[in-house]
Amino acid sequence: MHQLVLVRHAESDFTRKSLFCGFGNDADLSPAGVQEAIHAGQLLRKSGLEFDVAYTSVLKRAIKTLYFIQEEMDAHWMPVVRSWRLNEKHQGALQGCNKKEMAALHGEAQLK
């Protein structure tokens, strides 16, 4: 039986600062994000799941999240497919802007 396991990237610096982030901002993992990724790897190792291949976007936060997961699972041998098609959507003019400030300026409904 085949299984698909989806893991979103861990917390980024932009997420921690409540900034809009998409593929136009290649934000790094925050220190808390590094710990989240390590913890995800530990949980996956304990689950006993084995993987044939991993897919990731070409964004630093996703690649690093996968790296820490592979490190915890002792699975750096695993083939990795990187594709820009897995990148997050572009946030346009909102990229890098503070979410609360933009909501106050334009209204919550505009940002959903």
PDB file of N, CA and C in Angstrom:
ATOM      1  N   MET A   1       0.849  -1.184   0.000  1.00  0.00           N
ATOM      2  CA  MET A   1       0.000   0.000   0.000  1.00  0.00           C
ATOM      3  C   MET A   1       0.893   1.244   0.000  1.00  0.00           C
ATOM      4  N   HIS A   2       0.525   2.208  -0.809  1.00  0.00           N
ATOM      5  CA  HIS A   2       1.269   3.458  -0.869  1.00  0.00           C
ATOM      6  C   HIS A   2       0.684   4.459   0.121  1.00  0.00           C
ATOM      7  N   GLN A   3       1.554   5.279   0.677  1.00  0.00           N
ATOM      8  CA  GLN A   3       1.119   6.337   1.580  1.00  0.00           C
ATOM      9  C   GLN A   3       1.763   7.635   1.143  1.00  0.00           C
ATOM     10  N   LEU A   4       1.028   8.716   1.315  1.00  0.00           N
ATOM     11  CA  LEU A   4       1.539  10.050   1.036  1.00  0.00           C
ATOM     12  C   LEU A   4       1.572  10.813   2.349  1.00  0.00           C
ATOM     13  N   VAL A   5       2.728  11.334   2.704  1.00  0.00           N
ATOM     14  CA  VAL A   5       2.877  12.112   3.933  1.00  0.00           C
ATOM     15  C   VAL A   5       3.214  13.541   3.529  1.00  0.00           C
ATOM     16  N   LEU A   6       2.404  14.490   3.966  1.00  0.00           N
ATOM     17  CA  LEU A   6       2.637  15.897   3.664  1.00  0.00           C
ATOM     18  C   LEU A   6       3.120  16.615   4.916  1.00  0.00           C
ATOM     19  N   VAL A   7       4.195  17.366   4.757  1.00  0.00           N
ATOM     20  CA  VAL A   7       4.729  18.169   5.856  1.00  0.00           C
ATOM     21  C   VAL A   7       4.937  19.577   5.322  1.00  0.00           C
ATOM     22  N   ARG A   8       4.313  20.539   5.943  1.00  0.00           N
ATOM     23  CA  ARG A   8       4.530  21.934   5.555  1.00  0.00           C
ATOM     24  C   ARG A   8       5.835  22.390   6.190  1.00  0.00           C
ATOM     25  N   HIS A   9       6.471  23.374   5.573  1.00  0.00           N
ATOM     26  CA  HIS A   9       7.722  23.867   6.147  1.00  0.00           C
ATOM     27  C   HIS A   9       7.493  24.385   7.559  1.00  0.00           C
ATOM     28  N   ALA A  10       8.528  24.349   8.353  1.00  0.00           N
ATOM     29  CA  ALA A  10       8.458  24.838   9.729  1.00  0.00           C
ATOM     30  C   ALA A  10       8.401  26.370   9.725  1.00  0.00           C
ATOM     31  N   GLU A  11       8.269  26.947  10.915  1.00  0.00           N
ATOM     32  CA  GLU A  11       8.131  28.405  11.042  1.00  0.00           C
ATOM     33  C   GLU A  11       9.309  29.136  10.405  1.00  0.00           C
ATOM     34  N   SER A  12       8.988  30.151   9.617  1.00  0.00           N
ATOM     35  CA  SER A  12      10.029  30.977   9.001  1.00  0.00           C
ATOM     36  C   SER A  12      10.184  32.276   9.785  1.00  0.00           C
ATOM     37  N   ASP A  13      11.243  32.998   9.474  1.00  0.00           N
ATOM     38  CA  ASP A  13      11.446  34.312  10.091  1.00  0.00           C
ATOM     39  C   ASP A  13      10.269  35.233   9.787  1.00  0.00           C
ATOM     40  N   PHE A  14       9.736  35.164   8.568  1.00  0.00           N
ATOM     41  CA  PHE A  14       8.617  36.026   8.186  1.00  0.00           C
ATOM     42  C   PHE A  14       7.358  35.655   8.962  1.00  0.00           C
ATOM     43  N   THR A  15       7.104  34.372   9.138  1.00  0.00           N
ATOM     44  CA  THR A  15       5.935  33.933   9.897  1.00  0.00           C
ATOM     45  C   THR A  15       6.024  34.435  11.333  1.00  0.00           C
ATOM     46  N   ARG A  16       7.201  34.303  11.919  1.00  0.00           N
ATOM     47  CA  ARG A  16       7.400  34.731  13.306  1.00  0.00           C
ATOM     48  C   ARG A  16       7.133  36.222  13.455  1.00  0.00           C
ATOM     49  N   LYS A  17       7.477  36.996  12.434  1.00  0.00           N
ATOM     50  CA  LYS A  17       7.300  38.454  12.474  1.00  0.00           C
ATOM     51  C   LYS A  17       5.936  38.883  11.935  1.00  0.00           C
ATOM     52  N   SER A  18       5.082  37.924  11.588  1.00  0.00           N
ATOM     53  CA  SER A  18       3.749  38.178  11.039  1.00  0.00           C
ATOM     54  C   SER A  18       3.804  39.007   9.755  1.00  0.00           C
ATOM     55  N   LEU A  19       4.714  38.604   8.857  1.00  0.00           N
ATOM     56  CA  LEU A  19       4.862  39.272   7.571  1.00  0.00           C
ATOM     57  C   LEU A  19       4.344  38.362   6.462  1.00  0.00           C
ATOM     58  N   PHE A  20       3.778  38.968   5.429  1.00  0.00           N
ATOM     59  CA  PHE A  20       3.358  38.194   4.267  1.00  0.00           C
ATOM     60  C   PHE A  20       4.588  37.615   3.588  1.00  0.00           C
ATOM     61  N   CYS A  21       4.502  36.344   3.255  1.00  0.00           N
ATOM     62  CA  CYS A  21       5.646  35.667   2.656  1.00  0.00           C
ATOM     63  C   CYS A  21       5.150  34.703   1.595  1.00  0.00           C
ATOM     64  N   GLY A  22       5.747  34.756   0.452  1.00  0.00           N
ATOM     65  CA  GLY A  22       5.440  33.825  -0.627  1.00  0.00           C
ATOM     66  C   GLY A  22       6.740  33.440  -1.290  1.00  0.00           C
ATOM     67  N   PHE A  23       6.679  33.087  -2.565  1.00  0.00           N
ATOM     68  CA  PHE A  23       7.924  32.668  -3.209  1.00  0.00           C
ATOM     69  C   PHE A  23       8.816  33.844  -3.571  1.00  0.00           C
ATOM     70  N   GLY A  24       8.327  35.064  -3.430  1.00  0.00           N
ATOM     71  CA  GLY A  24       9.166  36.236  -3.684  1.00  0.00           C
ATOM     72  C   GLY A  24      10.094  36.562  -2.527  1.00  0.00           C
ATOM     73  N   ASN A  25       9.841  35.992  -1.366  1.00  0.00           N
ATOM     74  CA  ASN A  25      10.697  36.174  -0.193  1.00  0.00           C
ATOM     75  C   ASN A  25      11.191  34.799   0.224  1.00  0.00           C
ATOM     76  N   ASP A  26      12.454  34.552   0.010  1.00  0.00           N
ATOM     77  CA  ASP A  26      13.002  33.243   0.372  1.00  0.00           C
ATOM     78  C   ASP A  26      13.426  33.268   1.836  1.00  0.00           C
ATOM     79  N   ALA A  27      12.431  33.378   2.717  1.00  0.00           N
ATOM     80  CA  ALA A  27      12.679  33.500   4.152  1.00  0.00           C
ATOM     81  C   ALA A  27      13.281  32.218   4.713  1.00  0.00           C
ATOM     82  N   ASP A  28      14.196  32.395   5.633  1.00  0.00           N
ATOM     83  CA  ASP A  28      14.849  31.271   6.302  1.00  0.00           C
ATOM     84  C   ASP A  28      13.976  30.781   7.454  1.00  0.00           C
ATOM     85  N   LEU A  29      14.314  29.625   7.991  1.00  0.00           N
ATOM     86  CA  LEU A  29      13.635  29.136   9.189  1.00  0.00           C
ATOM     87  C   LEU A  29      14.027  29.988  10.385  1.00  0.00           C
ATOM     88  N   SER A  30      13.076  30.218  11.274  1.00  0.00           N
ATOM     89  CA  SER A  30      13.379  30.869  12.547  1.00  0.00           C
ATOM     90  C   SER A  30      14.022  29.824  13.456  1.00  0.00           C
ATOM     91  N   PRO A  31      14.633  30.242  14.563  1.00  0.00           N
ATOM     92  CA  PRO A  31      15.165  29.249  15.508  1.00  0.00           C
ATOM     93  C   PRO A  31      14.079  28.266  15.980  1.00  0.00           C
ATOM     94  N   ALA A  32      12.868  28.783  16.209  1.00  0.00           N
ATOM     95  CA  ALA A  32      11.767  27.893  16.603  1.00  0.00           C
ATOM     96  C   ALA A  32      11.418  26.947  15.458  1.00  0.00           C
ATOM     97  N   GLY A  33      11.524  27.433  14.226  1.00  0.00           N
ATOM     98  CA  GLY A  33      11.254  26.598  13.058  1.00  0.00           C
ATOM     99  C   GLY A  33      12.234  25.448  12.934  1.00  0.00           C
ATOM    100  N   VAL A  34      13.494  25.708  13.252  1.00  0.00           N
ATOM    101  CA  VAL A  34      14.499  24.638  13.234  1.00  0.00           C
ATOM    102  C   VAL A  34      14.097  23.555  14.227  1.00  0.00           C
ATOM    103  N   GLN A  35      13.681  23.970  15.417  1.00  0.00           N
ATOM    104  CA  GLN A  35      13.266  22.999  16.434  1.00  0.00           C
ATOM    105  C   GLN A  35      12.013  22.242  15.993  1.00  0.00           C
ATOM    106  N   GLU A  36      11.075  22.942  15.333  1.00  0.00           N
ATOM    107  CA  GLU A  36       9.874  22.271  14.816  1.00  0.00           C
ATOM    108  C   GLU A  36      10.248  21.193  13.800  1.00  0.00           C
ATOM    109  N   ALA A  37      11.169  21.529  12.900  1.00  0.00           N
ATOM    110  CA  ALA A  37      11.586  20.573  11.868  1.00  0.00           C
ATOM    111  C   ALA A  37      12.273  19.360  12.492  1.00  0.00           C
ATOM    112  N   ILE A  38      13.120  19.603  13.469  1.00  0.00           N
ATOM    113  CA  ILE A  38      13.788  18.501  14.174  1.00  0.00           C
ATOM    114  C   ILE A  38      12.751  17.610  14.854  1.00  0.00           C
ATOM    115  N   HIS A  39      11.784  18.242  15.507  1.00  0.00           N
ATOM    116  CA  HIS A  39      10.734  17.484  16.191  1.00  0.00           C
ATOM    117  C   HIS A  39       9.910  16.668  15.187  1.00  0.00           C
ATOM    118  N   ALA A  40       9.605  17.254  14.037  1.00  0.00           N
ATOM    119  CA  ALA A  40       8.866  16.515  12.999  1.00  0.00           C
ATOM    120  C   ALA A  40       9.653  15.284  12.566  1.00  0.00           C
ATOM    121  N   GLY A  41      10.955  15.448  12.394  1.00  0.00           N
ATOM    122  CA  GLY A  41      11.799  14.313  12.025  1.00  0.00           C
ATOM    123  C   GLY A  41      11.803  13.228  13.082  1.00  0.00           C
ATOM    124  N   GLN A  42      11.832  13.641  14.342  1.00  0.00           N
ATOM    125  CA  GLN A  42      11.802  12.666  15.437  1.00  0.00           C
ATOM    126  C   GLN A  42      10.482  11.896  15.446  1.00  0.00           C
ATOM    127  N   LEU A  43       9.380  12.619  15.240  1.00  0.00           N
ATOM    128  CA  LEU A  43       8.066  11.966  15.208  1.00  0.00           C
ATOM    129  C   LEU A  43       7.951  10.999  14.031  1.00  0.00           C
ATOM    130  N   LEU A  44       8.456  11.416  12.880  1.00  0.00           N
ATOM    131  CA  LEU A  44       8.404  10.532  11.711  1.00  0.00           C
ATOM    132  C   LEU A  44       9.279   9.297  11.911  1.00  0.00           C
ATOM    133  N   ARG A  45      10.437   9.483  12.536  1.00  0.00           N
ATOM    134  CA  ARG A  45      11.308   8.330  12.824  1.00  0.00           C
ATOM    135  C   ARG A  45      10.586   7.356  13.751  1.00  0.00           C
ATOM    136  N   LYS A  46       9.965   7.888  14.807  1.00  0.00           N
ATOM    137  CA  LYS A  46       9.263   7.035  15.770  1.00  0.00           C
ATOM    138  C   LYS A  46       8.060   6.333  15.147  1.00  0.00           C
ATOM    139  N   SER A  47       7.488   6.938  14.107  1.00  0.00           N
ATOM    140  CA  SER A  47       6.308   6.342  13.463  1.00  0.00           C
ATOM    141  C   SER A  47       6.650   5.055  12.721  1.00  0.00           C
ATOM    142  N   GLY A  48       7.929   4.900  12.382  1.00  0.00           N
ATOM    143  CA  GLY A  48       8.345   3.713  11.646  1.00  0.00           C
ATOM    144  C   GLY A  48       8.108   3.798  10.146  1.00  0.00           C
ATOM    145  N   LEU A  49       7.600   4.922   9.679  1.00  0.00           N
ATOM    146  CA  LEU A  49       7.385   5.082   8.240  1.00  0.00           C
ATOM    147  C   LEU A  49       8.719   5.096   7.508  1.00  0.00           C
ATOM    148  N   GLU A  50       8.713   4.545   6.321  1.00  0.00           N
ATOM    149  CA  GLU A  50       9.894   4.576   5.461  1.00  0.00           C
ATOM    150  C   GLU A  50       9.496   5.251   4.161  1.00  0.00           C
ATOM    151  N   PHE A  51      10.382   6.081   3.640  1.00  0.00           N
ATOM    152  CA  PHE A  51      10.071   6.862   2.449  1.00  0.00           C
ATOM    153  C   PHE A  51      10.957   6.453   1.288  1.00  0.00           C
ATOM    154  N   ASP A  52      10.391   6.523   0.088  1.00  0.00           N
ATOM    155  CA  ASP A  52      11.137   6.223  -1.131  1.00  0.00           C
ATOM    156  C   ASP A  52      11.719   7.484  -1.754  1.00  0.00           C
ATOM    157  N   VAL A  53      11.015   8.594  -1.598  1.00  0.00           N
ATOM    158  CA  VAL A  53      11.412   9.846  -2.234  1.00  0.00           C
ATOM    159  C   VAL A  53      10.776  11.006  -1.461  1.00  0.00           C
ATOM    160  N   ALA A  54      11.396  12.161  -1.543  1.00  0.00           N
ATOM    161  CA  ALA A  54      10.846  13.369  -0.927  1.00  0.00           C
ATOM    162  C   ALA A  54      10.729  14.446  -1.999  1.00  0.00           C
ATOM    163  N   TYR A  55       9.691  15.251  -1.903  1.00  0.00           N
ATOM    164  CA  TYR A  55       9.478  16.369  -2.815  1.00  0.00           C
ATOM    165  C   TYR A  55       9.473  17.651  -1.999  1.00  0.00           C
ATOM    166  N   THR A  56      10.076  18.696  -2.537  1.00  0.00           N
ATOM    167  CA  THR A  56      10.108  19.981  -1.856  1.00  0.00           C
ATOM    168  C   THR A  56      10.095  21.100  -2.885  1.00  0.00           C
ATOM    169  N   SER A  57       9.681  22.262  -2.442  1.00  0.00           N
ATOM    170  CA  SER A  57       9.806  23.441  -3.296  1.00  0.00           C
ATOM    171  C   SER A  57      11.284  23.821  -3.353  1.00  0.00           C
ATOM    172  N   VAL A  58      11.590  24.866  -4.064  1.00  0.00           N
ATOM    173  CA  VAL A  58      12.980  25.328  -4.124  1.00  0.00           C
ATOM    174  C   VAL A  58      13.245  26.425  -3.095  1.00  0.00           C
ATOM    175  N   LEU A  59      12.291  26.655  -2.210  1.00  0.00           N
ATOM    176  CA  LEU A  59      12.456  27.686  -1.184  1.00  0.00           C
ATOM    177  C   LEU A  59      13.268  27.151  -0.010  1.00  0.00           C
ATOM    178  N   LYS A  60      14.131  28.013   0.476  1.00  0.00           N
ATOM    179  CA  LYS A  60      15.066  27.667   1.554  1.00  0.00           C
ATOM    180  C   LYS A  60      14.359  27.067   2.764  1.00  0.00           C
ATOM    181  N   ARG A  61      13.231  27.644   3.164  1.00  0.00           N
ATOM    182  CA  ARG A  61      12.542  27.162   4.369  1.00  0.00           C
ATOM    183  C   ARG A  61      12.044  25.728   4.201  1.00  0.00           C
ATOM    184  N   ALA A  62      11.614  25.379   3.006  1.00  0.00           N
ATOM    185  CA  ALA A  62      11.144  24.014   2.749  1.00  0.00           C
ATOM    186  C   ALA A  62      12.312  23.038   2.649  1.00  0.00           C
ATOM    187  N   ILE A  63      13.369  23.448   1.955  1.00  0.00           N
ATOM    188  CA  ILE A  63      14.546  22.587   1.806  1.00  0.00           C
ATOM    189  C   ILE A  63      15.181  22.314   3.163  1.00  0.00           C
ATOM    190  N   LYS A  64      15.286  23.351   4.003  1.00  0.00           N
ATOM    191  CA  LYS A  64      15.888  23.153   5.329  1.00  0.00           C
ATOM    192  C   LYS A  64      15.002  22.301   6.228  1.00  0.00           C
ATOM    193  N   THR A  65      13.689  22.482   6.132  1.00  0.00           N
ATOM    194  CA  THR A  65      12.786  21.634   6.915  1.00  0.00           C
ATOM    195  C   THR A  65      13.007  20.172   6.544  1.00  0.00           C
ATOM    196  N   LEU A  66      13.067  19.893   5.254  1.00  0.00           N
ATOM    197  CA  LEU A  66      13.325  18.525   4.801  1.00  0.00           C
ATOM    198  C   LEU A  66      14.685  18.032   5.285  1.00  0.00           C
ATOM    199  N   TYR A  67      15.699  18.890   5.222  1.00  0.00           N
ATOM    200  CA  TYR A  67      17.039  18.493   5.673  1.00  0.00           C
ATOM    201  C   TYR A  67      16.999  18.026   7.134  1.00  0.00           C
ATOM    202  N   PHE A  68      16.369  18.815   8.005  1.00  0.00           N
ATOM    203  CA  PHE A  68      16.329  18.446   9.425  1.00  0.00           C
ATOM    204  C   PHE A  68      15.520  17.166   9.644  1.00  0.00           C
ATOM    205  N   ILE A  69      14.464  16.982   8.865  1.00  0.00           N
ATOM    206  CA  ILE A  69      13.698  15.735   8.957  1.00  0.00           C
ATOM    207  C   ILE A  69      14.566  14.550   8.542  1.00  0.00           C
ATOM    208  N   GLN A  70      15.267  14.692   7.420  1.00  0.00           N
ATOM    209  CA  GLN A  70      16.149  13.610   6.966  1.00  0.00           C
ATOM    210  C   GLN A  70      17.251  13.333   7.986  1.00  0.00           C
ATOM    211  N   GLU A  71      17.775  14.376   8.585  1.00  0.00           N
ATOM    212  CA  GLU A  71      18.828  14.218   9.598  1.00  0.00           C
ATOM    213  C   GLU A  71      18.316  13.371  10.758  1.00  0.00           C
ATOM    214  N   GLU A  72      17.128  13.696  11.253  1.00  0.00           N
ATOM    215  CA  GLU A  72      16.566  12.962  12.390  1.00  0.00           C
ATOM    216  C   GLU A  72      16.202  11.526  12.023  1.00  0.00           C
ATOM    217  N   MET A  73      15.850  11.311  10.768  1.00  0.00           N
ATOM    218  CA  MET A  73      15.472   9.967  10.320  1.00  0.00           C
ATOM    219  C   MET A  73      16.664   9.178   9.792  1.00  0.00           C
ATOM    220  N   ASP A  74      17.838   9.788   9.796  1.00  0.00           N
ATOM    221  CA  ASP A  74      19.036   9.185   9.205  1.00  0.00           C
ATOM    222  C   ASP A  74      18.718   8.732   7.778  1.00  0.00           C
ATOM    223  N   ALA A  75      18.163   9.667   7.008  1.00  0.00           N
ATOM    224  CA  ALA A  75      17.672   9.328   5.670  1.00  0.00           C
ATOM    225  C   ALA A  75      18.197  10.283   4.594  1.00  0.00           C
ATOM    226  N   HIS A  76      19.454  10.693   4.719  1.00  0.00           N
ATOM    227  CA  HIS A  76      20.009  11.582   3.690  1.00  0.00           C
ATOM    228  C   HIS A  76      20.211  10.867   2.361  1.00  0.00           C
ATOM    229  N   TRP A  77      20.095   9.557   2.348  1.00  0.00           N
ATOM    230  CA  TRP A  77      20.186   8.766   1.119  1.00  0.00           C
ATOM    231  C   TRP A  77      18.957   8.953   0.234  1.00  0.00           C
ATOM    232  N   MET A  78      17.871   9.421   0.837  1.00  0.00           N
ATOM    233  CA  MET A  78      16.595   9.505   0.142  1.00  0.00           C
ATOM    234  C   MET A  78      16.662  10.494  -1.030  1.00  0.00           C
ATOM    235  N   PRO A  79      16.236  10.084  -2.227  1.00  0.00           N
ATOM    236  CA  PRO A  79      16.211  11.021  -3.347  1.00  0.00           C
ATOM    237  C   PRO A  79      15.264  12.187  -3.053  1.00  0.00           C
ATOM    238  N   VAL A  80      15.672  13.377  -3.455  1.00  0.00           N
ATOM    239  CA  VAL A  80      14.871  14.581  -3.244  1.00  0.00           C
ATOM    240  C   VAL A  80      14.608  15.232  -4.599  1.00  0.00           C
ATOM    241  N   VAL A  81      13.348  15.500  -4.858  1.00  0.00           N
ATOM    242  CA  VAL A  81      12.951  16.213  -6.069  1.00  0.00           C
ATOM    243  C   VAL A  81      12.567  17.625  -5.652  1.00  0.00           C
ATOM    244  N   ARG A  82      13.274  18.607  -6.203  1.00  0.00           N
ATOM    245  CA  ARG A  82      12.974  20.011  -5.916  1.00  0.00           C
ATOM    246  C   ARG A  82      12.282  20.617  -7.135  1.00  0.00           C
ATOM    247  N   SER A  83      11.180  21.305  -6.889  1.00  0.00           N
ATOM    248  CA  SER A  83      10.449  21.905  -8.002  1.00  0.00           C
ATOM    249  C   SER A  83       9.874  23.251  -7.598  1.00  0.00           C
ATOM    250  N   TRP A  84      10.034  24.232  -8.466  1.00  0.00           N
ATOM    251  CA  TRP A  84       9.450  25.551  -8.212  1.00  0.00           C
ATOM    252  C   TRP A  84       7.928  25.454  -8.220  1.00  0.00           C
ATOM    253  N   ARG A  85       7.385  24.415  -8.822  1.00  0.00           N
ATOM    254  CA  ARG A  85       5.935  24.255  -8.883  1.00  0.00           C
ATOM    255  C   ARG A  85       5.320  23.995  -7.503  1.00  0.00           C
ATOM    256  N   LEU A  86       6.155  23.659  -6.536  1.00  0.00           N
ATOM    257  CA  LEU A  86       5.681  23.458  -5.161  1.00  0.00           C
ATOM    258  C   LEU A  86       5.856  24.708  -4.304  1.00  0.00           C
ATOM    259  N   ASN A  87       6.399  25.774  -4.889  1.00  0.00           N
ATOM    260  CA  ASN A  87       6.579  27.024  -4.145  1.00  0.00           C
ATOM    261  C   ASN A  87       5.232  27.568  -3.678  1.00  0.00           C
ATOM    262  N   GLU A  88       5.282  28.342  -2.601  1.00  0.00           N
ATOM    263  CA  GLU A  88       4.078  29.021  -2.141  1.00  0.00           C
ATOM    264  C   GLU A  88       3.674  30.076  -3.158  1.00  0.00           C
ATOM    265  N   LYS A  89       2.420  30.506  -3.075  1.00  0.00           N
ATOM    266  CA  LYS A  89       1.966  31.531  -4.014  1.00  0.00           C
ATOM    267  C   LYS A  89       2.699  32.847  -3.756  1.00  0.00           C
ATOM    268  N   HIS A  90       2.762  33.667  -4.781  1.00  0.00           N
ATOM    269  CA  HIS A  90       3.371  34.991  -4.662  1.00  0.00           C
ATOM    270  C   HIS A  90       2.348  35.910  -4.008  1.00  0.00           C
ATOM    271  N   GLN A  91       2.769  36.714  -3.071  1.00  0.00           N
ATOM    272  CA  GLN A  91       1.858  37.604  -2.352  1.00  0.00           C
ATOM    273  C   GLN A  91       1.780  39.001  -2.975  1.00  0.00           C
ATOM    274  N   GLY A  92       2.437  39.184  -4.101  1.00  0.00           N
ATOM    275  CA  GLY A  92       2.380  40.472  -4.794  1.00  0.00           C
ATOM    276  C   GLY A  92       2.940  41.599  -3.949  1.00  0.00           C
ATOM    277  N   ALA A  93       2.253  42.732  -3.979  1.00  0.00           N
ATOM    278  CA  ALA A  93       2.714  43.924  -3.259  1.00  0.00           C
ATOM    279  C   ALA A  93       2.686  43.733  -1.744  1.00  0.00           C
ATOM    280  N   LEU A  94       1.997  42.707  -1.267  1.00  0.00           N
ATOM    281  CA  LEU A  94       1.923  42.466   0.178  1.00  0.00           C
ATOM    282  C   LEU A  94       3.172  41.780   0.732  1.00  0.00           C
ATOM    283  N   GLN A  95       3.998  41.208  -0.139  1.00  0.00           N
ATOM    284  CA  GLN A  95       5.174  40.480   0.344  1.00  0.00           C
ATOM    285  C   GLN A  95       6.050  41.366   1.222  1.00  0.00           C
ATOM    286  N   GLY A  96       6.347  40.862   2.402  1.00  0.00           N
ATOM    287  CA  GLY A  96       7.187  41.582   3.343  1.00  0.00           C
ATOM    288  C   GLY A  96       6.430  42.568   4.214  1.00  0.00           C
ATOM    289  N   CYS A  97       5.139  42.781   3.932  1.00  0.00           N
ATOM    290  CA  CYS A  97       4.334  43.719   4.726  1.00  0.00           C
ATOM    291  C   CYS A  97       3.791  43.021   5.967  1.00  0.00           C
ATOM    292  N   ASN A  98       3.593  43.796   7.016  1.00  0.00           N
ATOM    293  CA  ASN A  98       3.044  43.284   8.262  1.00  0.00           C
ATOM    294  C   ASN A  98       1.555  42.995   8.088  1.00  0.00           C
ATOM    295  N   LYS A  99       1.125  41.817   8.485  1.00  0.00           N
ATOM    296  CA  LYS A  99      -0.265  41.397   8.290  1.00  0.00           C
ATOM    297  C   LYS A  99      -1.255  42.272   9.054  1.00  0.00           C
ATOM    298  N   LYS A 100      -0.948  42.619  10.293  1.00  0.00           N
ATOM    299  CA  LYS A 100      -1.865  43.443  11.093  1.00  0.00           C
ATOM    300  C   LYS A 100      -1.969  44.854  10.533  1.00  0.00           C
ATOM    301  N   GLU A 101      -0.848  45.408  10.104  1.00  0.00           N
ATOM    302  CA  GLU A 101      -0.863  46.753   9.525  1.00  0.00           C
ATOM    303  C   GLU A 101      -1.679  46.782   8.238  1.00  0.00           C
ATOM    304  N   MET A 102      -1.535  45.769   7.417  1.00  0.00           N
ATOM    305  CA  MET A 102      -2.287  45.716   6.159  1.00  0.00           C
ATOM    306  C   MET A 102      -3.774  45.501   6.417  1.00  0.00           C
ATOM    307  N   ALA A 103      -4.119  44.716   7.442  1.00  0.00           N
ATOM    308  CA  ALA A 103      -5.522  44.510   7.797  1.00  0.00           C
ATOM    309  C   ALA A 103      -6.135  45.813   8.289  1.00  0.00           C
ATOM    310  N   ALA A 104      -5.383  46.575   9.081  1.00  0.00           N
ATOM    311  CA  ALA A 104      -5.876  47.860   9.574  1.00  0.00           C
ATOM    312  C   ALA A 104      -6.059  48.847   8.425  1.00  0.00           C
ATOM    313  N   LEU A 105      -5.180  48.796   7.460  1.00  0.00           N
ATOM    314  CA  LEU A 105      -5.211  49.730   6.335  1.00  0.00           C
ATOM    315  C   LEU A 105      -6.281  49.362   5.306  1.00  0.00           C
ATOM    316  N   HIS A 106      -6.422  48.072   5.008  1.00  0.00           N
ATOM    317  CA  HIS A 106      -7.306  47.644   3.926  1.00  0.00           C
ATOM    318  C   HIS A 106      -8.534  46.861   4.386  1.00  0.00           C
ATOM    319  N   GLY A 107      -8.576  46.449   5.649  1.00  0.00           N
ATOM    320  CA  GLY A 107      -9.688  45.652   6.159  1.00  0.00           C
ATOM    321  C   GLY A 107      -9.389  44.161   6.097  1.00  0.00           C
ATOM    322  N   GLU A 108      -9.844  43.451   7.114  1.00  0.00           N
ATOM    323  CA  GLU A 108      -9.608  41.999   7.215  1.00  0.00           C
ATOM    324  C   GLU A 108     -10.141  41.248   5.997  1.00  0.00           C
ATOM    325  N   ALA A 109     -11.314  41.644   5.518  1.00  0.00           N
ATOM    326  CA  ALA A 109     -11.950  40.926   4.409  1.00  0.00           C
ATOM    327  C   ALA A 109     -11.090  40.946   3.148  1.00  0.00           C
ATOM    328  N   GLN A 110     -10.338  42.003   2.938  1.00  0.00           N
ATOM    329  CA  GLN A 110      -9.488  42.115   1.753  1.00  0.00           C
ATOM    330  C   GLN A 110      -8.314  41.144   1.782  1.00  0.00           C
ATOM    331  N   LEU A 111      -7.941  40.688   2.959  1.00  0.00           N
ATOM    332  CA  LEU A 111      -6.742  39.866   3.101  1.00  0.00           C
ATOM    333  C   LEU A 111      -7.034  38.376   3.194  1.00  0.00           C
ATOM    334  N   LYS A 112      -8.278  37.999   3.065  1.00  0.00           N
ATOM    335  CA  LYS A 112      -8.617  36.572   3.171  1.00  0.00           C
ATOM    336  C   LYS A 112      -8.642  35.919   1.827  1.00  0.00           C
TER     337      LYS A 112
END
